[in-house]
Protein backbone atom coordinates (compact mmCIF):
# COMPACT_ATOMS: atom_id res chain seq x y z
CA MET A 1 97.05 70.60 125.80
CA PHE A 2 99.58 71.40 128.43
CA ASP A 3 98.92 74.47 130.64
CA ASP A 4 101.38 76.14 132.63
CA GLU A 5 100.10 74.10 135.64
CA VAL A 6 101.23 70.94 134.03
CA HIS A 7 104.34 72.28 133.13
CA LYS A 8 105.23 73.56 136.57
CA ASN A 9 104.10 70.49 138.41
CA ALA A 10 106.15 68.35 135.82
CA MET A 11 109.14 70.54 136.24
CA LYS A 12 108.86 70.30 140.09
CA GLU A 13 108.99 66.44 139.90
CA PHE A 14 111.83 66.79 137.11
CA ILE A 15 114.24 68.88 139.24
CA ALA A 16 113.28 66.68 142.29
CA PHE A 17 114.84 63.55 140.01
CA LEU A 18 117.91 65.76 138.97
CA ARG A 19 118.76 66.46 142.36
CA THR A 20 119.22 62.79 142.73
CA LEU A 21 121.81 62.80 140.31
CA ASN A 22 123.64 66.07 141.20
CA THR A 23 123.35 68.81 143.55
CA GLN A 24 121.53 71.91 143.19
CA LYS A 25 124.67 74.08 143.17
CA ASN A 26 126.42 72.09 140.42
CA ILE A 27 123.22 71.94 138.34
CA ALA A 28 122.90 75.58 138.74
CA PHE A 29 126.95 76.31 138.15
CA PHE A 30 127.04 74.05 134.84
CA SER A 31 123.81 75.22 133.45
CA ASP A 32 124.75 78.91 133.79
CA VAL A 33 121.66 79.88 136.17
CA SER A 34 121.51 80.93 139.70
CA ARG A 35 120.62 78.34 142.58
CA GLU A 36 117.68 80.64 143.15
CA TYR A 37 116.22 79.94 139.83
CA ILE A 38 116.93 76.10 140.23
CA ARG A 39 114.79 76.59 143.66
CA HIS A 40 111.99 78.17 141.91
CA LEU A 41 111.90 75.47 139.34
CA GLY A 42 111.93 72.79 141.96
CA LYS A 43 108.95 74.57 143.63
CA GLY A 44 106.95 74.51 140.26
CA GLU A 45 107.07 78.17 140.34
CA LYS A 46 108.70 78.79 136.76
CA ILE A 47 108.90 77.35 133.63
CA PRO A 48 112.72 77.31 131.87
CA THR A 49 113.38 78.44 128.26
CA ILE A 50 114.42 75.52 126.01
CA ARG A 51 117.89 76.61 125.74
CA VAL A 52 118.18 76.57 129.91
CA PHE A 53 115.97 73.34 130.06
CA PHE A 54 118.78 71.59 127.63
CA ASN A 55 121.47 73.23 129.84
CA ILE A 56 120.04 71.78 133.16
CA ILE A 57 119.37 68.56 131.74
CA GLU A 58 123.16 68.21 130.54
CA ALA A 59 124.53 69.96 133.78
CA ALA A 60 122.86 67.12 135.86
CA GLY A 61 124.88 64.75 133.87
CA MET A 62 121.79 63.15 132.06
CA ASP A 63 121.83 62.48 128.38
CA LEU A 64 119.54 65.05 126.76
CA LYS A 65 117.34 62.25 124.78
CA GLU A 66 116.81 60.51 128.04
CA GLY A 67 116.14 63.84 129.87
CA LEU A 68 113.59 64.95 127.37
CA ASN A 69 111.78 61.50 127.59
CA LEU A 70 111.65 61.51 131.38
CA TYR A 71 110.08 64.89 131.34
CA ILE A 72 107.74 64.10 128.66
CA ASP A 73 106.54 60.99 131.11
CA TYR A 74 106.48 63.72 133.87
CA LEU A 75 104.14 65.72 131.49
CA GLN A 76 101.57 63.29 130.47
CA LYS A 77 101.47 62.02 134.41
CA GLN A 78 100.61 65.71 135.43
CA LYS A 79 98.28 66.03 132.43
CA MET A 80 96.16 62.98 133.48
CA ALA A 81 96.19 64.22 137.07
CA LEU A 82 94.85 67.61 136.20
CA ALA A 83 92.31 66.27 133.90
CA ALA A 84 91.08 63.61 136.89
CA ASP A 85 90.93 66.65 139.28
CA ARG A 86 88.85 68.93 136.63
CA ASN A 87 86.50 65.89 135.80
CA LYS A 88 85.71 65.40 139.75
CA GLY A 89 84.94 69.33 139.87
CA LEU A 90 82.63 68.72 136.90
CA GLU A 91 80.78 65.69 138.40
CA TYR A 92 80.58 67.76 141.73
CA ILE A 93 78.85 70.79 139.98
CA GLN A 94 76.62 68.47 138.04
CA LYS A 95 75.38 66.77 141.09
CA LEU A 96 74.81 70.13 142.75
CA LYS A 97 72.80 71.51 139.75
CA ALA A 98 70.93 68.03 139.86
CA GLY A 99 69.97 68.40 143.69
CA LYS A 100 71.48 65.04 144.50
CA ILE A 101 73.99 66.86 146.94
CA ARG A 102 74.29 69.74 149.05
CA PRO A 103 77.17 72.06 149.23
CA LYS A 104 79.60 71.62 151.72
CA LYS A 105 79.35 74.40 154.49
CA THR A 106 82.63 76.01 155.59
CA PRO A 107 83.15 76.87 159.44
């Protein structure tokens, strides 16, 4: 399952890569969205519609199939990272419940 957090983080990486191919201004202009919207995508604050996503890929000068494959790679990477973080959290809770560790005190 790919939740919003995974998509937003993958989109953040994807937009950063696209910015190496073209400027934010050009990507926004040729994909018919605002620079502000591209900035929000680059910060991981939004997820584009499929139409806008395809337009952004083409506006950056990238082949659509290549862009989709790259985005899928970013998604899988983010999904694995999130699963690892969640697993660490579960392990911590299990150790707390078993009394093997004590909760960290905050100052």
